[in-house]
Amino acid sequence: MNPDDTKLSTLLRKSRVSPPLPPRFQEKVWRRIEDAEAPAPSVPGLSWLDALAALVLRPRFAYATVTALALAGILLGVYQGAQTAKQNEQARYLALVAPNPLR
């Protein structure tokens, strides 16, 4: 089999069956391309939320976001613990100074 055989190449090209394209095929392809490139329609209440989520989920901001959330959780836990300790101390002091006479 010689790859430079022109008769064989011509015969193979003629024997290849190419099915006809569906109606309006090219128009539909261009419409899909335009739809994919068009900006997504914005929902009035979610546009800023989507933009914030897209920014936070970028890889370079993901570590900073996780660190900030962990730090915020730690600070809120420390604050809550201090408030609970203060309330417990106040309850103990009140129990020492003015014991419940109904016992």
N, C-alpha and C. Protein backbone atom coordinates (compact mmCIF):
# COMPACT_ATOMS: atom_id res chain seq x y z
N MET A 1 0.85 -1.18 0.00
CA MET A 1 0.00 0.00 0.00
C MET A 1 0.89 1.23 0.00
N ASN A 2 0.73 2.03 -1.00
CA ASN A 2 1.53 3.23 -1.17
C ASN A 2 0.73 4.44 -0.70
N PRO A 3 1.22 5.22 0.28
CA PRO A 3 0.45 6.36 0.77
C PRO A 3 0.33 7.49 -0.26
N ASP A 4 1.18 7.48 -1.28
CA ASP A 4 1.13 8.54 -2.30
C ASP A 4 0.25 8.16 -3.49
N ASP A 5 -0.48 7.09 -3.41
CA ASP A 5 -1.33 6.64 -4.51
C ASP A 5 -2.54 7.57 -4.62
N THR A 6 -2.58 8.36 -5.66
CA THR A 6 -3.66 9.35 -5.83
C THR A 6 -4.99 8.71 -6.16
N LYS A 7 -4.95 7.63 -6.91
CA LYS A 7 -6.21 6.96 -7.26
C LYS A 7 -6.89 6.41 -6.02
N LEU A 8 -6.08 5.82 -5.16
CA LEU A 8 -6.64 5.27 -3.92
C LEU A 8 -7.16 6.39 -3.02
N SER A 9 -6.43 7.47 -2.91
CA SER A 9 -6.88 8.60 -2.08
C SER A 9 -8.19 9.18 -2.60
N THR A 10 -8.29 9.32 -3.91
CA THR A 10 -9.51 9.84 -4.51
C THR A 10 -10.69 8.90 -4.27
N LEU A 11 -10.46 7.64 -4.44
CA LEU A 11 -11.51 6.65 -4.22
C LEU A 11 -11.97 6.65 -2.76
N LEU A 12 -11.02 6.75 -1.83
CA LEU A 12 -11.38 6.79 -0.41
C LEU A 12 -12.17 8.05 -0.06
N ARG A 13 -11.82 9.18 -0.63
CA ARG A 13 -12.56 10.42 -0.36
C ARG A 13 -13.99 10.34 -0.90
N LYS A 14 -14.15 9.73 -2.07
CA LYS A 14 -15.49 9.62 -2.65
C LYS A 14 -16.35 8.62 -1.88
N SER A 15 -15.73 7.63 -1.29
CA SER A 15 -16.51 6.61 -0.59
C SER A 15 -16.90 7.04 0.82
N ARG A 16 -16.30 8.11 1.31
CA ARG A 16 -16.62 8.58 2.65
C ARG A 16 -18.02 9.19 2.66
N VAL A 17 -18.84 8.73 3.57
CA VAL A 17 -20.21 9.22 3.66
C VAL A 17 -20.25 10.33 4.69
N SER A 18 -20.75 11.46 4.30
CA SER A 18 -20.92 12.56 5.26
C SER A 18 -22.41 12.85 5.37
N PRO A 19 -22.96 12.67 6.56
CA PRO A 19 -24.40 12.88 6.72
C PRO A 19 -24.73 14.37 6.59
N PRO A 20 -25.90 14.67 6.12
CA PRO A 20 -26.28 16.08 5.99
C PRO A 20 -26.48 16.70 7.38
N LEU A 21 -26.15 17.97 7.48
CA LEU A 21 -26.32 18.67 8.76
C LEU A 21 -27.79 18.96 9.01
N PRO A 22 -28.18 19.04 10.26
CA PRO A 22 -29.58 19.36 10.56
C PRO A 22 -29.92 20.78 10.07
N PRO A 23 -31.19 21.07 9.90
CA PRO A 23 -31.57 22.40 9.45
C PRO A 23 -31.14 23.48 10.45
N ARG A 24 -30.68 24.60 9.94
CA ARG A 24 -30.25 25.77 10.72
C ARG A 24 -29.14 25.42 11.71
N PHE A 25 -28.28 24.49 11.33
CA PHE A 25 -27.21 24.03 12.21
C PHE A 25 -26.25 25.16 12.54
N GLN A 26 -25.78 25.88 11.53
CA GLN A 26 -24.79 26.92 11.75
C GLN A 26 -25.37 28.05 12.61
N GLU A 27 -26.62 28.40 12.38
CA GLU A 27 -27.26 29.44 13.16
C GLU A 27 -27.35 29.05 14.64
N LYS A 28 -27.68 27.79 14.88
CA LYS A 28 -27.78 27.32 16.26
C LYS A 28 -26.42 27.30 16.95
N VAL A 29 -25.38 26.95 16.20
CA VAL A 29 -24.03 26.95 16.77
C VAL A 29 -23.63 28.35 17.18
N TRP A 30 -23.86 29.34 16.31
CA TRP A 30 -23.49 30.70 16.65
C TRP A 30 -24.33 31.24 17.81
N ARG A 31 -25.58 30.83 17.89
CA ARG A 31 -26.42 31.27 19.00
C ARG A 31 -25.88 30.71 20.32
N ARG A 32 -25.46 29.45 20.31
CA ARG A 32 -24.89 28.86 21.53
C ARG A 32 -23.59 29.54 21.93
N ILE A 33 -22.78 29.90 20.95
CA ILE A 33 -21.54 30.62 21.25
C ILE A 33 -21.84 31.98 21.86
N GLU A 34 -22.80 32.71 21.28
CA GLU A 34 -23.17 34.01 21.81
C GLU A 34 -23.75 33.90 23.21
N ASP A 35 -24.57 32.89 23.45
CA ASP A 35 -25.14 32.69 24.79
C ASP A 35 -24.06 32.38 25.82
N ALA A 36 -23.06 31.62 25.42
CA ALA A 36 -21.99 31.27 26.35
C ALA A 36 -21.12 32.47 26.68
N GLU A 37 -20.93 33.37 25.71
CA GLU A 37 -20.09 34.54 25.93
C GLU A 37 -20.84 35.68 26.59
N ALA A 38 -22.15 35.68 26.54
CA ALA A 38 -22.95 36.76 27.11
C ALA A 38 -22.88 36.69 28.63
N PRO A 39 -22.87 37.85 29.30
CA PRO A 39 -22.88 37.83 30.76
C PRO A 39 -24.18 37.24 31.28
N ALA A 40 -24.08 36.55 32.39
CA ALA A 40 -25.26 35.91 32.97
C ALA A 40 -26.24 36.98 33.43
N PRO A 41 -27.54 36.76 33.24
CA PRO A 41 -28.51 37.73 33.72
C PRO A 41 -28.46 37.81 35.24
N SER A 42 -28.49 39.03 35.73
CA SER A 42 -28.34 39.21 37.18
C SER A 42 -29.70 39.21 37.86
N VAL A 43 -29.73 38.53 38.99
CA VAL A 43 -30.92 38.53 39.83
C VAL A 43 -30.76 39.72 40.77
N PRO A 44 -31.78 40.56 40.94
CA PRO A 44 -31.61 41.81 41.68
C PRO A 44 -31.00 41.66 43.07
N GLY A 45 -31.39 40.68 43.85
CA GLY A 45 -30.89 40.58 45.22
C GLY A 45 -29.62 39.78 45.37
N LEU A 46 -29.22 39.01 44.38
CA LEU A 46 -28.10 38.10 44.56
C LEU A 46 -26.81 38.53 43.86
N SER A 47 -26.81 39.63 43.14
CA SER A 47 -25.63 39.99 42.36
C SER A 47 -24.43 40.26 43.27
N TRP A 48 -24.60 40.99 44.35
CA TRP A 48 -23.47 41.28 45.24
C TRP A 48 -23.04 40.03 45.99
N LEU A 49 -24.00 39.16 46.30
CA LEU A 49 -23.67 37.93 47.01
C LEU A 49 -22.89 36.98 46.11
N ASP A 50 -23.30 36.88 44.85
CA ASP A 50 -22.56 36.05 43.90
C ASP A 50 -21.15 36.58 43.67
N ALA A 51 -21.03 37.91 43.58
CA ALA A 51 -19.71 38.51 43.38
C ALA A 51 -18.81 38.25 44.59
N LEU A 52 -19.36 38.35 45.78
CA LEU A 52 -18.58 38.09 46.99
C LEU A 52 -18.18 36.62 47.06
N ALA A 53 -19.09 35.72 46.75
CA ALA A 53 -18.77 34.29 46.77
C ALA A 53 -17.71 33.96 45.73
N ALA A 54 -17.79 34.56 44.56
CA ALA A 54 -16.78 34.32 43.52
C ALA A 54 -15.41 34.83 43.97
N LEU A 55 -15.39 35.96 44.65
CA LEU A 55 -14.12 36.51 45.14
C LEU A 55 -13.53 35.65 46.24
N VAL A 56 -14.35 35.22 47.17
CA VAL A 56 -13.87 34.44 48.31
C VAL A 56 -13.41 33.05 47.88
N LEU A 57 -14.02 32.49 46.85
CA LEU A 57 -13.68 31.13 46.43
C LEU A 57 -12.49 31.06 45.47
N ARG A 58 -11.90 32.19 45.15
CA ARG A 58 -10.68 32.15 44.34
C ARG A 58 -9.57 31.56 45.18
N PRO A 59 -8.70 30.77 44.57
CA PRO A 59 -7.67 30.08 45.35
C PRO A 59 -6.77 31.01 46.16
N ARG A 60 -6.43 32.17 45.62
CA ARG A 60 -5.50 33.03 46.36
C ARG A 60 -6.17 33.68 47.57
N PHE A 61 -7.49 33.80 47.56
CA PHE A 61 -8.19 34.37 48.70
C PHE A 61 -8.76 33.31 49.63
N ALA A 62 -8.72 32.06 49.23
CA ALA A 62 -9.33 31.01 50.04
C ALA A 62 -8.63 30.85 51.38
N TYR A 63 -7.30 30.85 51.38
CA TYR A 63 -6.56 30.71 52.65
C TYR A 63 -6.81 31.91 53.56
N ALA A 64 -6.84 33.09 52.99
CA ALA A 64 -7.11 34.28 53.80
C ALA A 64 -8.52 34.24 54.37
N THR A 65 -9.46 33.75 53.59
CA THR A 65 -10.84 33.65 54.06
C THR A 65 -10.96 32.64 55.20
N VAL A 66 -10.34 31.49 55.04
CA VAL A 66 -10.38 30.47 56.10
C VAL A 66 -9.71 31.00 57.37
N THR A 67 -8.58 31.67 57.21
CA THR A 67 -7.88 32.23 58.38
C THR A 67 -8.73 33.29 59.07
N ALA A 68 -9.35 34.16 58.29
CA ALA A 68 -10.19 35.21 58.89
C ALA A 68 -11.39 34.60 59.62
N LEU A 69 -12.01 33.59 59.03
CA LEU A 69 -13.15 32.96 59.69
C LEU A 69 -12.74 32.22 60.96
N ALA A 70 -11.58 31.57 60.94
CA ALA A 70 -11.09 30.88 62.14
C ALA A 70 -10.77 31.89 63.24
N LEU A 71 -10.14 33.00 62.88
CA LEU A 71 -9.81 34.03 63.85
C LEU A 71 -11.08 34.65 64.44
N ALA A 72 -12.08 34.89 63.59
CA ALA A 72 -13.35 35.43 64.08
C ALA A 72 -14.02 34.44 65.03
N GLY A 73 -13.97 33.15 64.73
CA GLY A 73 -14.55 32.14 65.62
C GLY A 73 -13.84 32.09 66.96
N ILE A 74 -12.52 32.17 66.94
CA ILE A 74 -11.76 32.15 68.19
C ILE A 74 -12.10 33.37 69.03
N LEU A 75 -12.11 34.55 68.41
CA LEU A 75 -12.42 35.78 69.16
C LEU A 75 -13.84 35.75 69.74
N LEU A 76 -14.79 35.26 68.97
CA LEU A 76 -16.15 35.17 69.50
C LEU A 76 -16.24 34.15 70.63
N GLY A 77 -15.49 33.07 70.53
CA GLY A 77 -15.47 32.08 71.61
C GLY A 77 -14.88 32.63 72.89
N VAL A 78 -13.78 33.38 72.76
CA VAL A 78 -13.16 34.00 73.93
C VAL A 78 -14.11 35.01 74.56
N TYR A 79 -14.76 35.82 73.74
CA TYR A 79 -15.71 36.81 74.25
C TYR A 79 -16.87 36.13 74.98
N GLN A 80 -17.42 35.09 74.38
CA GLN A 80 -18.54 34.37 75.00
C GLN A 80 -18.10 33.72 76.31
N GLY A 81 -16.90 33.16 76.33
CA GLY A 81 -16.38 32.56 77.55
C GLY A 81 -16.21 33.59 78.66
N ALA A 82 -15.73 34.77 78.32
CA ALA A 82 -15.57 35.84 79.31
C ALA A 82 -16.92 36.27 79.85
N GLN A 83 -17.92 36.38 78.99
CA GLN A 83 -19.26 36.77 79.43
C GLN A 83 -19.86 35.71 80.36
N THR A 84 -19.67 34.44 80.03
CA THR A 84 -20.19 33.36 80.87
C THR A 84 -19.49 33.35 82.22
N ALA A 85 -18.18 33.55 82.23
CA ALA A 85 -17.44 33.57 83.49
C ALA A 85 -17.90 34.75 84.35
N LYS A 86 -18.13 35.89 83.74
CA LYS A 86 -18.60 37.06 84.48
C LYS A 86 -19.96 36.81 85.11
N GLN A 87 -20.86 36.18 84.33
CA GLN A 87 -22.20 35.89 84.86
C GLN A 87 -22.12 34.88 86.01
N ASN A 88 -21.25 33.89 85.90
CA ASN A 88 -21.08 32.91 86.98
C ASN A 88 -20.53 33.57 88.24
N GLU A 89 -19.56 34.48 88.07
CA GLU A 89 -19.01 35.19 89.24
C GLU A 89 -20.07 36.05 89.91
N GLN A 90 -20.91 36.73 89.11
CA GLN A 90 -21.97 37.55 89.68
C GLN A 90 -22.98 36.69 90.43
N ALA A 91 -23.30 35.53 89.89
CA ALA A 91 -24.26 34.64 90.56
C ALA A 91 -23.68 34.12 91.87
N ARG A 92 -22.39 33.77 91.90
CA ARG A 92 -21.77 33.31 93.15
C ARG A 92 -21.73 34.42 94.21
N TYR A 93 -21.36 35.64 93.77
CA TYR A 93 -21.31 36.76 94.71
C TYR A 93 -22.69 37.02 95.31
N LEU A 94 -23.71 37.00 94.43
CA LEU A 94 -25.07 37.24 94.92
C LEU A 94 -25.50 36.14 95.87
N ALA A 95 -25.11 34.92 95.63
CA ALA A 95 -25.46 33.81 96.52
C ALA A 95 -24.76 33.96 97.87
N LEU A 96 -23.53 34.52 97.89
CA LEU A 96 -22.80 34.72 99.14
C LEU A 96 -23.38 35.87 99.94
N VAL A 97 -23.68 37.00 99.28
CA VAL A 97 -24.12 38.20 99.95
C VAL A 97 -25.58 38.09 100.39
N ALA A 98 -26.43 37.60 99.52
CA ALA A 98 -27.85 37.52 99.83
C ALA A 98 -28.32 36.11 99.55
N PRO A 99 -28.11 35.21 100.50
CA PRO A 99 -28.57 33.84 100.28
C PRO A 99 -30.10 33.80 100.18
N ASN A 100 -30.61 32.79 99.54
CA ASN A 100 -32.04 32.66 99.34
C ASN A 100 -32.71 32.29 100.66
N PRO A 101 -33.62 33.17 101.16
CA PRO A 101 -34.26 32.88 102.45
C PRO A 101 -35.33 31.81 102.38
N LEU A 102 -35.70 31.36 101.20
CA LEU A 102 -36.77 30.39 101.06
C LEU A 102 -36.27 28.96 101.25
N ARG A 103 -35.03 28.71 101.50
CA ARG A 103 -34.53 27.36 101.65
C ARG A 103 -34.87 26.78 102.96
